[in-house]
Amino acid sequence: MQGWVTGDPGKVEIPHLLLGFVEADTFLGVTLSDTGRGTFTLSGRPVTDSETLSGLDLAEDEGAIEVPVSERKFYGVAAAAR
């Protein structure tokens, strides 16, 4: 996950709207902490591999972390009753 750097190399900050680009029927398997200013912070393993980083278009104030993405299989109780 690419986002703005924070004081912690294993944590980035992303805009709420970025989650609209997560692949359909998937979810991020990390805790999203709402900052109260239209962004979330999330934690993961920092991306430090130079080959991987060279493939990303990172601004000076951005970093990247690895986060699990999982398939969504449960859509709520109403859907399960059908």
Protein backbone atom coordinates (compact mmCIF):
# COMPACT_ATOMS: atom_id res chain seq x y z
CA MET A 1 0.00 0.00 0.00
CA GLN A 2 1.41 3.33 -1.05
CA GLY A 3 0.71 6.33 1.17
CA TRP A 4 2.09 9.37 2.92
CA VAL A 5 4.95 8.70 5.29
CA THR A 6 4.44 9.05 9.02
CA GLY A 7 6.95 9.04 11.85
CA ASP A 8 6.84 5.22 11.78
CA PRO A 9 8.38 3.43 8.74
CA GLY A 10 5.79 0.65 9.10
CA LYS A 11 2.82 3.02 8.95
CA VAL A 12 1.38 5.10 6.09
CA GLU A 13 -1.53 7.49 5.82
CA ILE A 14 -4.03 7.22 2.96
CA PRO A 15 -7.13 9.19 1.95
CA HIS A 16 -10.49 7.55 2.67
CA LEU A 17 -11.34 7.67 -1.04
CA LEU A 18 -8.39 5.45 -1.95
CA LEU A 19 -10.31 2.44 -0.65
CA GLY A 20 -12.67 2.86 -3.60
CA PHE A 21 -9.88 1.45 -5.76
CA VAL A 22 -9.56 -1.84 -3.87
CA GLU A 23 -10.34 -4.74 -6.21
CA ALA A 24 -13.98 -5.87 -6.15
CA ASP A 25 -14.89 -8.56 -3.59
CA THR A 26 -11.68 -8.04 -1.61
CA PHE A 27 -10.72 -6.20 1.55
CA LEU A 28 -7.56 -5.00 3.25
CA GLY A 29 -6.63 -7.30 6.11
CA VAL A 30 -5.31 -4.55 8.38
CA THR A 31 -6.75 -2.18 10.95
CA LEU A 32 -7.58 1.24 9.52
CA SER A 33 -7.35 4.04 12.08
CA ASP A 34 -9.40 7.12 11.20
CA THR A 35 -7.39 10.30 11.70
CA GLY A 36 -10.47 12.52 11.75
CA ARG A 37 -9.24 14.51 8.76
CA GLY A 38 -10.36 12.37 5.83
CA THR A 39 -7.53 9.86 6.06
CA PHE A 40 -6.71 6.51 7.61
CA THR A 41 -3.41 5.25 8.99
CA LEU A 42 -2.51 1.61 8.53
CA SER A 43 0.49 -0.50 9.43
CA GLY A 44 2.42 -3.20 7.64
CA ARG A 45 5.90 -4.37 6.76
CA PRO A 46 7.86 -1.52 5.12
CA VAL A 47 8.79 -2.10 1.48
CA THR A 48 12.57 -1.71 1.28
CA ASP A 49 13.45 -3.82 -1.78
CA SER A 50 15.00 -1.44 -4.32
CA GLU A 51 13.57 -3.34 -7.31
CA THR A 52 10.03 -3.12 -5.91
CA LEU A 53 10.43 0.53 -4.94
CA SER A 54 11.73 1.41 -8.42
CA GLY A 55 8.45 0.10 -9.87
CA LEU A 56 6.41 2.49 -7.74
CA ASP A 57 5.77 6.14 -8.52
CA LEU A 58 6.45 7.50 -5.03
CA ALA A 59 6.42 11.20 -4.26
CA GLU A 60 9.04 12.54 -1.86
CA ASP A 61 6.59 12.36 1.06
CA GLU A 62 5.33 8.83 0.26
CA GLY A 63 6.32 5.34 1.32
CA ALA A 64 4.99 1.82 0.85
CA ILE A 65 4.07 -1.04 3.16
CA GLU A 66 2.92 -4.60 2.54
CA VAL A 67 -0.64 -5.35 3.62
CA PRO A 68 -2.69 -8.51 3.12
CA VAL A 69 -5.61 -8.37 0.69
CA SER A 70 -8.20 -11.08 1.19
CA GLU A 71 -11.26 -12.27 -0.70
CA ARG A 72 -14.57 -11.20 0.79
CA LYS A 73 -16.78 -14.27 1.23
CA PHE A 74 -19.45 -13.09 3.68
CA TYR A 75 -21.86 -10.32 2.72
CA GLY A 76 -24.00 -10.10 5.84
CA VAL A 77 -26.71 -12.03 7.64
CA ALA A 78 -29.50 -11.13 5.18
CA ALA A 79 -27.53 -12.52 2.26
CA ALA A 80 -26.61 -15.67 4.22
CA ALA A 81 -30.30 -16.47 4.86
CA ARG A 82 -31.12 -16.81 1.16
